[in-house]
Amino acid sequence: ALREQYIEDDQGRRVAVILPIAEYEMMLEKLEELEDIRLYDKAK
């Protein structure tokens, strides 16, 4: 599970998220991996 925190505006709507850097970097790695898979599938 992610350990996210939210920033809210004056009306209490969530407008941003704060993540620990390690979790953010892990998410970026997973996104890159998914993009590689998508490009592979497209090429195939």
PDB file of all heavy atoms in Angstrom:
ATOM      1  N   ALA A   1       0.830  -1.198   0.000  1.00  0.00           N
ATOM      2  CA  ALA A   1       0.000   0.000   0.000  1.00  0.00           C
ATOM      3  C   ALA A   1       0.868   1.253   0.000  1.00  0.00           C
ATOM      4  O   ALA A   1       1.924   1.291   0.616  1.00  0.00           O
ATOM      5  CB  ALA A   1      -0.910  -0.015   1.229  1.00  0.00           C
ATOM      6  N   LEU A   2       0.397   2.254  -0.717  1.00  0.00           N
ATOM      7  CA  LEU A   2       1.103   3.527  -0.742  1.00  0.00           C
ATOM      8  C   LEU A   2       0.816   4.301   0.538  1.00  0.00           C
ATOM      9  O   LEU A   2      -0.251   4.183   1.122  1.00  0.00           O
ATOM     10  CB  LEU A   2       0.660   4.362  -1.943  1.00  0.00           C
ATOM     11  CG  LEU A   2       0.977   3.796  -3.315  1.00  0.00           C
ATOM     12  CD1 LEU A   2       0.396   4.701  -4.391  1.00  0.00           C
ATOM     13  CD2 LEU A   2       2.469   3.644  -3.512  1.00  0.00           C
ATOM     14  N   ARG A   3       1.770   5.094   0.946  1.00  0.00           N
ATOM     15  CA  ARG A   3       1.606   5.945   2.126  1.00  0.00           C
ATOM     16  C   ARG A   3       1.473   7.388   1.664  1.00  0.00           C
ATOM     17  O   ARG A   3       2.327   8.224   1.896  1.00  0.00           O
ATOM     18  CB  ARG A   3       2.799   5.790   3.062  1.00  0.00           C
ATOM     19  CG  ARG A   3       2.943   4.385   3.625  1.00  0.00           C
ATOM     20  CD  ARG A   3       4.220   4.256   4.379  1.00  0.00           C
ATOM     21  NE  ARG A   3       5.324   4.573   3.460  1.00  0.00           N
ATOM     22  CZ  ARG A   3       6.586   4.621   3.804  1.00  0.00           C
ATOM     23  NH1 ARG A   3       6.953   4.394   5.038  1.00  0.00           N
ATOM     24  NH2 ARG A   3       7.523   4.913   2.919  1.00  0.00           N
ATOM     25  N   GLU A   4       0.364   7.654   0.988  1.00  0.00           N
ATOM     26  CA  GLU A   4       0.182   8.973   0.425  1.00  0.00           C
ATOM     27  C   GLU A   4      -0.475   9.927   1.426  1.00  0.00           C
ATOM     28  O   GLU A   4      -1.157   9.498   2.353  1.00  0.00           O
ATOM     29  CB  GLU A   4      -0.667   8.911  -0.850  1.00  0.00           C
ATOM     30  CG  GLU A   4      -2.125   8.581  -0.623  1.00  0.00           C
ATOM     31  CD  GLU A   4      -2.438   7.099  -0.591  1.00  0.00           C
ATOM     32  OE1 GLU A   4      -1.536   6.260  -0.575  1.00  0.00           O
ATOM     33  OE2 GLU A   4      -3.627   6.786  -0.570  1.00  0.00           O
ATOM     34  N   GLN A   5      -0.230  11.190   1.210  1.00  0.00           N
ATOM     35  CA  GLN A   5      -0.882  12.258   1.954  1.00  0.00           C
ATOM     36  C   GLN A   5      -1.448  13.207   0.912  1.00  0.00           C
ATOM     37  O   GLN A   5      -0.906  13.338  -0.185  1.00  0.00           O
ATOM     38  CB  GLN A   5       0.112  13.004   2.851  1.00  0.00           C
ATOM     39  CG  GLN A   5       0.703  12.149   3.936  1.00  0.00           C
ATOM     40  CD  GLN A   5       1.742  12.929   4.740  1.00  0.00           C
ATOM     41  OE1 GLN A   5       2.342  13.879   4.260  1.00  0.00           O
ATOM     42  NE2 GLN A   5       1.950  12.506   5.973  1.00  0.00           N
ATOM     43  N   TYR A   6      -2.535  13.879   1.265  1.00  0.00           N
ATOM     44  CA  TYR A   6      -3.192  14.755   0.305  1.00  0.00           C
ATOM     45  C   TYR A   6      -3.118  16.206   0.733  1.00  0.00           C
ATOM     46  O   TYR A   6      -3.106  16.527   1.912  1.00  0.00           O
ATOM     47  CB  TYR A   6      -4.665  14.353   0.147  1.00  0.00           C
ATOM     48  CG  TYR A   6      -4.824  12.944  -0.362  1.00  0.00           C
ATOM     49  CD1 TYR A   6      -5.102  11.905   0.513  1.00  0.00           C
ATOM     50  CD2 TYR A   6      -4.686  12.654  -1.709  1.00  0.00           C
ATOM     51  CE1 TYR A   6      -5.243  10.605   0.054  1.00  0.00           C
ATOM     52  CE2 TYR A   6      -4.820  11.360  -2.178  1.00  0.00           C
ATOM     53  CZ  TYR A   6      -5.095  10.337  -1.288  1.00  0.00           C
ATOM     54  OH  TYR A   6      -5.226   9.063  -1.749  1.00  0.00           O
ATOM     55  N   ILE A   7      -3.104  17.065  -0.259  1.00  0.00           N
ATOM     56  CA  ILE A   7      -3.239  18.501  -0.043  1.00  0.00           C
ATOM     57  C   ILE A   7      -4.638  18.858  -0.528  1.00  0.00           C
ATOM     58  O   ILE A   7      -5.045  18.458  -1.626  1.00  0.00           O
ATOM     59  CB  ILE A   7      -2.163  19.289  -0.816  1.00  0.00           C
ATOM     60  CG1 ILE A   7      -0.778  18.907  -0.282  1.00  0.00           C
ATOM     61  CG2 ILE A   7      -2.430  20.787  -0.715  1.00  0.00           C
ATOM     62  CD1 ILE A   7       0.363  19.536  -1.031  1.00  0.00           C
ATOM     63  N   GLU A   8      -5.363  19.591   0.298  1.00  0.00           N
ATOM     64  CA  GLU A   8      -6.733  19.957  -0.047  1.00  0.00           C
ATOM     65  C   GLU A   8      -6.851  21.456  -0.247  1.00  0.00           C
ATOM     66  O   GLU A   8      -6.114  22.240   0.358  1.00  0.00           O
ATOM     67  CB  GLU A   8      -7.684  19.518   1.073  1.00  0.00           C
ATOM     68  CG  GLU A   8      -7.681  18.022   1.300  1.00  0.00           C
ATOM     69  CD  GLU A   8      -8.552  17.593   2.471  1.00  0.00           C
ATOM     70  OE1 GLU A   8      -8.981  18.470   3.255  1.00  0.00           O
ATOM     71  OE2 GLU A   8      -8.793  16.382   2.594  1.00  0.00           O
ATOM     72  N   ASP A   9      -7.814  21.833  -1.102  1.00  0.00           N
ATOM     73  CA  ASP A   9      -8.074  23.259  -1.287  1.00  0.00           C
ATOM     74  C   ASP A   9      -9.016  23.748  -0.179  1.00  0.00           C
ATOM     75  O   ASP A   9      -9.352  23.000   0.739  1.00  0.00           O
ATOM     76  CB  ASP A   9      -8.626  23.549  -2.686  1.00  0.00           C
ATOM     77  CG  ASP A   9      -9.983  22.919  -2.944  1.00  0.00           C
ATOM     78  OD1 ASP A   9     -10.636  22.424  -1.984  1.00  0.00           O
ATOM     79  OD2 ASP A   9     -10.408  22.911  -4.118  1.00  0.00           O
ATOM     80  N   ASP A  10      -9.449  24.990  -0.285  1.00  0.00           N
ATOM     81  CA  ASP A  10     -10.290  25.585   0.749  1.00  0.00           C
ATOM     82  C   ASP A  10     -11.638  24.875   0.914  1.00  0.00           C
ATOM     83  O   ASP A  10     -12.247  24.935   1.981  1.00  0.00           O
ATOM     84  CB  ASP A  10     -10.536  27.069   0.444  1.00  0.00           C
ATOM     85  CG  ASP A  10      -9.255  27.878   0.546  1.00  0.00           C
ATOM     86  OD1 ASP A  10      -8.323  27.427   1.251  1.00  0.00           O
ATOM     87  OD2 ASP A  10      -9.185  28.951  -0.074  1.00  0.00           O
ATOM     88  N   GLN A  11     -12.091  24.199  -0.132  1.00  0.00           N
ATOM     89  CA  GLN A  11     -13.357  23.469  -0.069  1.00  0.00           C
ATOM     90  C   GLN A  11     -13.175  22.017   0.363  1.00  0.00           C
ATOM     91  O   GLN A  11     -14.122  21.251   0.393  1.00  0.00           O
ATOM     92  CB  GLN A  11     -14.080  23.506  -1.428  1.00  0.00           C
ATOM     93  CG  GLN A  11     -14.677  24.851  -1.783  1.00  0.00           C
ATOM     94  CD  GLN A  11     -13.627  25.852  -2.238  1.00  0.00           C
ATOM     95  OE1 GLN A  11     -12.721  25.484  -2.990  1.00  0.00           O
ATOM     96  NE2 GLN A  11     -13.740  27.078  -1.789  1.00  0.00           N
ATOM     97  N   GLY A  12     -11.966  21.636   0.690  1.00  0.00           N
ATOM     98  CA  GLY A  12     -11.701  20.273   1.135  1.00  0.00           C
ATOM     99  C   GLY A  12     -11.515  19.271   0.009  1.00  0.00           C
ATOM    100  O   GLY A  12     -11.452  18.069   0.255  1.00  0.00           O
ATOM    101  N   ARG A  13     -11.417  19.747  -1.247  1.00  0.00           N
ATOM    102  CA  ARG A  13     -11.182  18.841  -2.381  1.00  0.00           C
ATOM    103  C   ARG A  13      -9.694  18.528  -2.484  1.00  0.00           C
ATOM    104  O   ARG A  13      -8.856  19.428  -2.351  1.00  0.00           O
ATOM    105  CB  ARG A  13     -11.662  19.485  -3.680  1.00  0.00           C
ATOM    106  CG  ARG A  13     -13.170  19.682  -3.734  1.00  0.00           C
ATOM    107  CD  ARG A  13     -13.543  20.346  -5.027  1.00  0.00           C
ATOM    108  NE  ARG A  13     -12.927  21.680  -5.038  1.00  0.00           N
ATOM    109  CZ  ARG A  13     -13.443  22.740  -5.614  1.00  0.00           C
ATOM    110  NH1 ARG A  13     -14.579  22.645  -6.255  1.00  0.00           N
ATOM    111  NH2 ARG A  13     -12.823  23.910  -5.577  1.00  0.00           N
ATOM    112  N   ARG A  14      -9.391  17.278  -2.721  1.00  0.00           N
ATOM    113  CA  ARG A  14      -7.998  16.877  -2.888  1.00  0.00           C
ATOM    114  C   ARG A  14      -7.466  17.437  -4.203  1.00  0.00           C
ATOM    115  O   ARG A  14      -8.050  17.223  -5.258  1.00  0.00           O
ATOM    116  CB  ARG A  14      -7.874  15.360  -2.880  1.00  0.00           C
ATOM    117  CG  ARG A  14      -8.219  14.760  -1.536  1.00  0.00           C
ATOM    118  CD  ARG A  14      -8.153  13.256  -1.604  1.00  0.00           C
ATOM    119  NE  ARG A  14      -8.408  12.687  -0.280  1.00  0.00           N
ATOM    120  CZ  ARG A  14      -8.499  11.394  -0.040  1.00  0.00           C
ATOM    121  NH1 ARG A  14      -8.347  10.532  -1.022  1.00  0.00           N
ATOM    122  NH2 ARG A  14      -8.729  10.966   1.176  1.00  0.00           N
ATOM    123  N   VAL A  15      -6.350  18.155  -4.118  1.00  0.00           N
ATOM    124  CA  VAL A  15      -5.790  18.785  -5.310  1.00  0.00           C
ATOM    125  C   VAL A  15      -4.368  18.321  -5.611  1.00  0.00           C
ATOM    126  O   VAL A  15      -3.848  18.582  -6.689  1.00  0.00           O
ATOM    127  CB  VAL A  15      -5.820  20.324  -5.186  1.00  0.00           C
ATOM    128  CG1 VAL A  15      -7.253  20.829  -5.129  1.00  0.00           C
ATOM    129  CG2 VAL A  15      -5.033  20.807  -3.976  1.00  0.00           C
ATOM    130  N   ALA A  16      -3.739  17.640  -4.664  1.00  0.00           N
ATOM    131  CA  ALA A  16      -2.378  17.153  -4.869  1.00  0.00           C
ATOM    132  C   ALA A  16      -2.125  15.996  -3.911  1.00  0.00           C
ATOM    133  O   ALA A  16      -2.863  15.789  -2.949  1.00  0.00           O
ATOM    134  CB  ALA A  16      -1.361  18.260  -4.625  1.00  0.00           C
ATOM    135  N   VAL A  17      -1.065  15.268  -4.203  1.00  0.00           N
ATOM    136  CA  VAL A  17      -0.700  14.137  -3.351  1.00  0.00           C
ATOM    137  C   VAL A  17       0.782  14.219  -3.020  1.00  0.00           C
ATOM    138  O   VAL A  17       1.586  14.681  -3.826  1.00  0.00           O
ATOM    139  CB  VAL A  17      -1.060  12.795  -4.031  1.00  0.00           C
ATOM    140  CG1 VAL A  17      -0.237  12.565  -5.279  1.00  0.00           C
ATOM    141  CG2 VAL A  17      -0.944  11.641  -3.074  1.00  0.00           C
ATOM    142  N   ILE A  18       1.128  13.772  -1.839  1.00  0.00           N
ATOM    143  CA  ILE A  18       2.523  13.716  -1.398  1.00  0.00           C
ATOM    144  C   ILE A  18       2.854  12.248  -1.153  1.00  0.00           C
ATOM    145  O   ILE A  18       2.117  11.544  -0.461  1.00  0.00           O
ATOM    146  CB  ILE A  18       2.736  14.514  -0.098  1.00  0.00           C
ATOM    147  CG1 ILE A  18       2.350  15.978  -0.312  1.00  0.00           C
ATOM    148  CG2 ILE A  18       4.173  14.379   0.387  1.00  0.00           C
ATOM    149  CD1 ILE A  18       2.329  16.798   0.962  1.00  0.00           C
ATOM    150  N   LEU A  19       3.960  11.801  -1.747  1.00  0.00           N
ATOM    151  CA  LEU A  19       4.420  10.417  -1.575  1.00  0.00           C
ATOM    152  C   LEU A  19       5.860  10.422  -1.092  1.00  0.00           C
ATOM    153  O   LEU A  19       6.636  11.300  -1.461  1.00  0.00           O
ATOM    154  CB  LEU A  19       4.396   9.673  -2.914  1.00  0.00           C
ATOM    155  CG  LEU A  19       3.068   9.387  -3.554  1.00  0.00           C
ATOM    156  CD1 LEU A  19       3.275   8.819  -4.946  1.00  0.00           C
ATOM    157  CD2 LEU A  19       2.266   8.418  -2.712  1.00  0.00           C
ATOM    158  N   PRO A  20       6.238   9.409  -0.323  1.00  0.00           N
ATOM    159  CA  PRO A  20       7.666   9.254  -0.024  1.00  0.00           C
ATOM    160  C   PRO A  20       8.427   9.036  -1.340  1.00  0.00           C
ATOM    161  O   PRO A  20       7.929   8.406  -2.268  1.00  0.00           O
ATOM    162  CB  PRO A  20       7.717   8.001   0.854  1.00  0.00           C
ATOM    163  CG  PRO A  20       6.354   7.909   1.460  1.00  0.00           C
ATOM    164  CD  PRO A  20       5.426   8.427   0.400  1.00  0.00           C
ATOM    165  N   ILE A  21       9.621   9.570  -1.429  1.00  0.00           N
ATOM    166  CA  ILE A  21      10.393   9.531  -2.672  1.00  0.00           C
ATOM    167  C   ILE A  21      10.621   8.098  -3.162  1.00  0.00           C
ATOM    168  O   ILE A  21      10.565   7.829  -4.363  1.00  0.00           O
ATOM    169  CB  ILE A  21      11.729  10.312  -2.539  1.00  0.00           C
ATOM    170  CG1 ILE A  21      12.368  10.533  -3.912  1.00  0.00           C
ATOM    171  CG2 ILE A  21      12.692   9.602  -1.622  1.00  0.00           C
ATOM    172  CD1 ILE A  21      11.652  11.531  -4.758  1.00  0.00           C
ATOM    173  N   ALA A  22      10.836   7.160  -2.259  1.00  0.00           N
ATOM    174  CA  ALA A  22      11.056   5.771  -2.664  1.00  0.00           C
ATOM    175  C   ALA A  22       9.815   5.205  -3.366  1.00  0.00           C
ATOM    176  O   ALA A  22       9.932   4.479  -4.357  1.00  0.00           O
ATOM    177  CB  ALA A  22      11.419   4.913  -1.459  1.00  0.00           C
ATOM    178  N   GLU A  23       8.646   5.545  -2.869  1.00  0.00           N
ATOM    179  CA  GLU A  23       7.413   5.069  -3.496  1.00  0.00           C
ATOM    180  C   GLU A  23       7.199   5.747  -4.845  1.00  0.00           C
ATOM    181  O   GLU A  23       6.757   5.114  -5.805  1.00  0.00           O
ATOM    182  CB  GLU A  23       6.222   5.299  -2.573  1.00  0.00           C
ATOM    183  CG  GLU A  23       6.278   4.401  -1.353  1.00  0.00           C
ATOM    184  CD  GLU A  23       5.117   4.610  -0.401  1.00  0.00           C
ATOM    185  OE1 GLU A  23       4.073   5.166  -0.814  1.00  0.00           O
ATOM    186  OE2 GLU A  23       5.254   4.207   0.765  1.00  0.00           O
ATOM    187  N   TYR A  24       7.522   7.023  -4.938  1.00  0.00           N
ATOM    188  CA  TYR A  24       7.419   7.744  -6.201  1.00  0.00           C
ATOM    189  C   TYR A  24       8.354   7.127  -7.243  1.00  0.00           C
ATOM    190  O   TYR A  24       7.947   6.881  -8.385  1.00  0.00           O
ATOM    191  CB  TYR A  24       7.758   9.221  -5.972  1.00  0.00           C
ATOM    192  CG  TYR A  24       7.869  10.023  -7.235  1.00  0.00           C
ATOM    193  CD1 TYR A  24       6.737  10.358  -7.964  1.00  0.00           C
ATOM    194  CD2 TYR A  24       9.116  10.432  -7.696  1.00  0.00           C
ATOM    195  CE1 TYR A  24       6.844  11.096  -9.130  1.00  0.00           C
ATOM    196  CE2 TYR A  24       9.220  11.174  -8.866  1.00  0.00           C
ATOM    197  CZ  TYR A  24       8.086  11.499  -9.577  1.00  0.00           C
ATOM    198  OH  TYR A  24       8.202  12.220 -10.738  1.00  0.00           O
ATOM    199  N   GLU A  25       9.591   6.859  -6.859  1.00  0.00           N
ATOM    200  CA  GLU A  25      10.552   6.254  -7.788  1.00  0.00           C
ATOM    201  C   GLU A  25      10.097   4.861  -8.216  1.00  0.00           C
ATOM    202  O   GLU A  25      10.252   4.484  -9.376  1.00  0.00           O
ATOM    203  CB  GLU A  25      11.936   6.221  -7.164  1.00  0.00           C
ATOM    204  CG  GLU A  25      12.553   7.605  -7.042  1.00  0.00           C
ATOM    205  CD  GLU A  25      13.839   7.636  -6.235  1.00  0.00           C
ATOM    206  OE1 GLU A  25      14.150   6.655  -5.522  1.00  0.00           O
ATOM    207  OE2 GLU A  25      14.534   8.674  -6.312  1.00  0.00           O
ATOM    208  N   MET A  26       9.510   4.103  -7.287  1.00  0.00           N
ATOM    209  CA  MET A  26       8.991   2.772  -7.620  1.00  0.00           C
ATOM    210  C   MET A  26       7.858   2.898  -8.647  1.00  0.00           C
ATOM    211  O   MET A  26       7.789   2.128  -9.614  1.00  0.00           O
ATOM    212  CB  MET A  26       8.481   2.064  -6.371  1.00  0.00           C
ATOM    213  CG  MET A  26       7.913   0.682  -6.639  1.00  0.00           C
ATOM    214  SD  MET A  26       7.161  -0.063  -5.189  1.00  0.00           S
ATOM    215  CE  MET A  26       5.732   0.999  -4.966  1.00  0.00           C
ATOM    216  N   MET A  27       7.001   3.887  -8.468  1.00  0.00           N
ATOM    217  CA  MET A  27       5.912   4.098  -9.420  1.00  0.00           C
ATOM    218  C   MET A  27       6.451   4.446 -10.799  1.00  0.00           C
ATOM    219  O   MET A  27       5.948   3.945 -11.811  1.00  0.00           O
ATOM    220  CB  MET A  27       4.977   5.206  -8.923  1.00  0.00           C
ATOM    221  CG  MET A  27       4.104   4.787  -7.770  1.00  0.00           C
ATOM    222  SD  MET A  27       3.072   6.131  -7.133  1.00  0.00           S
ATOM    223  CE  MET A  27       2.139   6.572  -8.575  1.00  0.00           C
ATOM    224  N   LEU A  28       7.477   5.287 -10.854  1.00  0.00           N
ATOM    225  CA  LEU A  28       8.077   5.636 -12.139  1.00  0.00           C
ATOM    226  C   LEU A  28       8.661   4.410 -12.832  1.00  0.00           C
ATOM    227  O   LEU A  28       8.505   4.232 -14.050  1.00  0.00           O
ATOM    228  CB  LEU A  28       9.162   6.699 -11.958  1.00  0.00           C
ATOM    229  CG  LEU A  28       8.686   8.105 -11.620  1.00  0.00           C
ATOM    230  CD1 LEU A  28       9.892   9.029 -11.460  1.00  0.00           C
ATOM    231  CD2 LEU A  28       7.734   8.641 -12.670  1.00  0.00           C
ATOM    232  N   GLU A  29       9.337   3.559 -12.072  1.00  0.00           N
ATOM    233  CA  GLU A  29       9.906   2.335 -12.644  1.00  0.00           C
ATOM    234  C   GLU A  29       8.810   1.439 -13.208  1.00  0.00           C
ATOM    235  O   GLU A  29       8.953   0.885 -14.303  1.00  0.00           O
ATOM    236  CB  GLU A  29      10.711   1.582 -11.593  1.00  0.00           C
ATOM    237  CG  GLU A  29      12.020   2.238 -11.228  1.00  0.00           C
ATOM    238  CD  GLU A  29      12.757   1.508 -10.116  1.00  0.00           C
ATOM    239  OE1 GLU A  29      12.457   0.323  -9.856  1.00  0.00           O
ATOM    240  OE2 GLU A  29      13.643   2.134  -9.501  1.00  0.00           O
ATOM    241  N   LYS A  30       7.720   1.296 -12.479  1.00  0.00           N
ATOM    242  CA  LYS A  30       6.597   0.466 -12.942  1.00  0.00           C
ATOM    243  C   LYS A  30       5.973   1.061 -14.204  1.00  0.00           C
ATOM    244  O   LYS A  30       5.626   0.329 -15.131  1.00  0.00           O
ATOM    245  CB  LYS A  30       5.531   0.331 -11.855  1.00  0.00           C
ATOM    246  CG  LYS A  30       5.995  -0.364 -10.606  1.00  0.00           C
ATOM    247  CD  LYS A  30       6.202  -1.832 -10.829  1.00  0.00           C
ATOM    248  CE  LYS A  30       6.565  -2.508  -9.515  1.00  0.00           C
ATOM    249  NZ  LYS A  30       6.959  -3.881  -9.698  1.00  0.00           N
ATOM    250  N   LEU A  31       5.849   2.374 -14.262  1.00  0.00           N
ATOM    251  CA  LEU A  31       5.303   3.015 -15.460  1.00  0.00           C
ATOM    252  C   LEU A  31       6.207   2.804 -16.661  1.00  0.00           C
ATOM    253  O   LEU A  31       5.729   2.549 -17.775  1.00  0.00           O
ATOM    254  CB  LEU A  31       5.095   4.510 -15.209  1.00  0.00           C
ATOM    255  CG  LEU A  31       3.903   4.876 -14.342  1.00  0.00           C
ATOM    256  CD1 LEU A  31       3.931   6.361 -14.004  1.00  0.00           C
ATOM    257  CD2 LEU A  31       2.603   4.509 -15.032  1.00  0.00           C
ATOM    258  N   GLU A  32       7.511   2.906 -16.461  1.00  0.00           N
ATOM    259  CA  GLU A  32       8.463   2.660 -17.551  1.00  0.00           C
ATOM    260  C   GLU A  32       8.354   1.217 -18.038  1.00  0.00           C
ATOM    261  O   GLU A  32       8.383   0.954 -19.249  1.00  0.00           O
ATOM    262  CB  GLU A  32       9.884   2.957 -17.100  1.00  0.00           C
ATOM    263  CG  GLU A  32      10.186   4.425 -16.936  1.00  0.00           C
ATOM    264  CD  GLU A  32      11.591   4.681 -16.425  1.00  0.00           C
ATOM    265  OE1 GLU A  32      12.462   3.798 -16.559  1.00  0.00           O
ATOM    266  OE2 GLU A  32      11.821   5.784 -15.888  1.00  0.00           O
ATOM    267  N   GLU A  33       8.214   0.292 -17.116  1.00  0.00           N
ATOM    268  CA  GLU A  33       8.075  -1.115 -17.473  1.00  0.00           C
ATOM    269  C   GLU A  33       6.794  -1.337 -18.275  1.00  0.00           C
ATOM    270  O   GLU A  33       6.797  -2.043 -19.295  1.00  0.00           O
ATOM    271  CB  GLU A  33       8.064  -1.965 -16.198  1.00  0.00           C
ATOM    272  CG  GLU A  33       8.125  -3.443 -16.441  1.00  0.00           C
ATOM    273  CD  GLU A  33       8.238  -4.216 -15.143  1.00  0.00           C
ATOM    274  OE1 GLU A  33       8.959  -3.774 -14.227  1.00  0.00           O
ATOM    275  OE2 GLU A  33       7.598  -5.276 -15.049  1.00  0.00           O
ATOM    276  N   LEU A  34       5.704  -0.731 -17.856  1.00  0.00           N
ATOM    277  CA  LEU A  34       4.447  -0.856 -18.594  1.00  0.00           C
ATOM    278  C   LEU A  34       4.555  -0.249 -19.985  1.00  0.00           C
ATOM    279  O   LEU A  34       4.010  -0.794 -20.950  1.00  0.00           O
ATOM    280  CB  LEU A  34       3.306  -0.202 -17.810  1.00  0.00           C
ATOM    281  CG  LEU A  34       2.834  -0.959 -16.585  1.00  0.00           C
ATOM    282  CD1 LEU A  34       1.839  -0.108 -15.797  1.00  0.00           C
ATOM    283  CD2 LEU A  34       2.208  -2.286 -16.969  1.00  0.00           C
ATOM    284  N   GLU A  35       5.253   0.859 -20.114  1.00  0.00           N
ATOM    285  CA  GLU A  35       5.451   1.479 -21.422  1.00  0.00           C
ATOM    286  C   GLU A  35       6.275   0.561 -22.328  1.00  0.00           C
ATOM    287  O   GLU A  35       5.962   0.420 -23.513  1.00  0.00           O
ATOM    288  CB  GLU A  35       6.131   2.841 -21.272  1.00  0.00           C
ATOM    289  CG  GLU A  35       6.427   3.531 -22.575  1.00  0.00           C
ATOM    290  CD  GLU A  35       5.192   3.967 -23.355  1.00  0.00           C
ATOM    291  OE1 GLU A  35       4.063   3.829 -22.851  1.00  0.00           O
ATOM    292  OE2 GLU A  35       5.355   4.436 -24.490  1.00  0.00           O
ATOM    293  N   ASP A  36       7.303  -0.077 -21.782  1.00  0.00           N
ATOM    294  CA  ASP A  36       8.092  -1.030 -22.566  1.00  0.00           C
ATOM    295  C   ASP A  36       7.226  -2.177 -23.058  1.00  0.00           C
ATOM    296  O   ASP A  36       7.329  -2.599 -24.213  1.00  0.00           O
ATOM    297  CB  ASP A  36       9.260  -1.576 -21.736  1.00  0.00           C
ATOM    298  CG  ASP A  36      10.323  -0.540 -21.457  1.00  0.00           C
ATOM    299  OD1 ASP A  36      10.326   0.516 -22.128  1.00  0.00           O
ATOM    300  OD2 ASP A  36      11.162  -0.780 -20.556  1.00  0.00           O
ATOM    301  N   ILE A  37       6.365  -2.692 -22.194  1.00  0.00           N
ATOM    302  CA  ILE A  37       5.465  -3.786 -22.570  1.00  0.00           C
ATOM    303  C   ILE A  37       4.518  -3.326 -23.669  1.00  0.00           C
ATOM    304  O   ILE A  37       4.273  -4.041 -24.649  1.00  0.00           O
ATOM    305  CB  ILE A  37       4.700  -4.303 -21.338  1.00  0.00           C
ATOM    306  CG1 ILE A  37       5.668  -4.994 -20.382  1.00  0.00           C
ATOM    307  CG2 ILE A  37       3.561  -5.238 -21.748  1.00  0.00           C
ATOM    308  CD1 ILE A  37       5.090  -5.291 -19.012  1.00  0.00           C
ATOM    309  N   ARG A  38       3.973  -2.111 -23.524  1.00  0.00           N
ATOM    310  CA  ARG A  38       3.049  -1.580 -24.526  1.00  0.00           C
ATOM    311  C   ARG A  38       3.742  -1.451 -25.884  1.00  0.00           C
ATOM    312  O   ARG A  38       3.190  -1.847 -26.919  1.00  0.00           O
ATOM    313  CB  ARG A  38       2.510  -0.220 -24.087  1.00  0.00           C
ATOM    314  CG  ARG A  38       1.418   0.325 -24.998  1.00  0.00           C
ATOM    315  CD  ARG A  38       1.063   1.764 -24.657  1.00  0.00           C
ATOM    316  NE  ARG A  38       2.149   2.685 -24.955  1.00  0.00           N
ATOM    317  CZ  ARG A  38       2.456   3.123 -26.181  1.00  0.00           C
ATOM    318  NH1 ARG A  38       1.778   2.708 -27.221  1.00  0.00           N
ATOM    319  NH2 ARG A  38       3.452   3.975 -26.366  1.00  0.00           N
ATOM    320  N   LEU A  39       4.963  -0.933 -25.892  1.00  0.00           N
ATOM    321  CA  LEU A  39       5.698  -0.784 -27.153  1.00  0.00           C
ATOM    322  C   LEU A  39       6.039  -2.137 -27.763  1.00  0.00           C
ATOM    323  O   LEU A  39       5.984  -2.308 -28.986  1.00  0.00           O
ATOM    324  CB  LEU A  39       6.967   0.039 -26.920  1.00  0.00           C
ATOM    325  CG  LEU A  39       6.734   1.514 -26.605  1.00  0.00           C
ATOM    326  CD1 LEU A  39       8.042   2.180 -26.200  1.00  0.00           C
ATOM    327  CD2 LEU A  39       6.095   2.230 -27.778  1.00  0.00           C
ATOM    328  N   TYR A  40       6.385  -3.105 -26.917  1.00  0.00           N
ATOM    329  CA  TYR A  40       6.668  -4.457 -27.407  1.00  0.00           C
ATOM    330  C   TYR A  40       5.416  -5.046 -28.061  1.00  0.00           C
ATOM    331  O   TYR A  40       5.481  -5.589 -29.170  1.00  0.00           O
ATOM    332  CB  TYR A  40       7.144  -5.346 -26.257  1.00  0.00           C
ATOM    333  CG  TYR A  40       7.283  -6.795 -26.634  1.00  0.00           C
ATOM    334  CD1 TYR A  40       8.422  -7.250 -27.295  1.00  0.00           C
ATOM    335  CD2 TYR A  40       6.290  -7.717 -26.336  1.00  0.00           C
ATOM    336  CE1 TYR A  40       8.550  -8.578 -27.655  1.00  0.00           C
ATOM    337  CE2 TYR A  40       6.403  -9.045 -26.690  1.00  0.00           C
ATOM    338  CZ  TYR A  40       7.544  -9.472 -27.352  1.00  0.00           C
ATOM    339  OH  TYR A  40       7.666 -10.782 -27.723  1.00  0.00           O
ATOM    340  N   ASP A  41       4.289  -4.924 -27.377  1.00  0.00           N
ATOM    341  CA  ASP A  41       3.038  -5.458 -27.923  1.00  0.00           C
ATOM    342  C   ASP A  41       2.676  -4.777 -29.241  1.00  0.00           C
ATOM    343  O   ASP A  41       2.219  -5.434 -30.182  1.00  0.00           O
ATOM    344  CB  ASP A  41       1.898  -5.284 -26.919  1.00  0.00           C
ATOM    345  CG  ASP A  41       2.020  -6.208 -25.720  1.00  0.00           C
ATOM    346  OD1 ASP A  41       2.797  -7.189 -25.778  1.00  0.00           O
ATOM    347  OD2 ASP A  41       1.333  -5.943 -24.713  1.00  0.00           O
ATOM    348  N   LYS A  42       2.911  -3.476 -29.334  1.00  0.00           N
ATOM    349  CA  LYS A  42       2.629  -2.745 -30.563  1.00  0.00           C
ATOM    350  C   LYS A  42       3.512  -3.241 -31.698  1.00  0.00           C
ATOM    351  O   LYS A  42       3.041  -3.459 -32.819  1.00  0.00           O
ATOM    352  CB  LYS A  42       2.840  -1.249 -30.336  1.00  0.00           C
ATOM    353  CG  LYS A  42       2.515  -0.394 -31.526  1.00  0.00           C
ATOM    354  CD  LYS A  42       2.727   1.072 -31.201  1.00  0.00           C
ATOM    355  CE  LYS A  42       2.481   1.930 -32.427  1.00  0.00           C
ATOM    356  NZ  LYS A  42       2.739   3.346 -32.162  1.00  0.00           N
ATOM    357  N   ALA A  43       4.797  -3.431 -31.409  1.00  0.00           N
ATOM    358  CA  ALA A  43       5.727  -3.922 -32.433  1.00  0.00           C
ATOM    359  C   ALA A  43       5.357  -5.332 -32.879  1.00  0.00           C
ATOM    360  O   ALA A  43       5.396  -5.644 -34.075  1.00  0.00           O
ATOM    361  CB  ALA A  43       7.153  -3.879 -31.902  1.00  0.00           C
ATOM    362  N   LYS A  44       4.984  -6.181 -31.944  1.00  0.00           N
ATOM    363  CA  LYS A  44       4.619  -7.559 -32.288  1.00  0.00           C
ATOM    364  C   LYS A  44       3.349  -7.612 -33.127  1.00  0.00           C
ATOM    365  O   LYS A  44       3.199  -8.490 -33.975  1.00  0.00           O
ATOM    366  CB  LYS A  44       4.425  -8.398 -31.022  1.00  0.00           C
ATOM    367  CG  LYS A  44       5.693  -8.727 -30.268  1.00  0.00           C
ATOM    368  CD  LYS A  44       6.564  -9.693 -31.024  1.00  0.00           C
ATOM    369  CE  LYS A  44       6.028 -11.087 -30.862  1.00  0.00           C
ATOM    370  NZ  LYS A  44       6.876 -12.117 -31.444  1.00  0.00           N
TER     371      LYS A  44
END
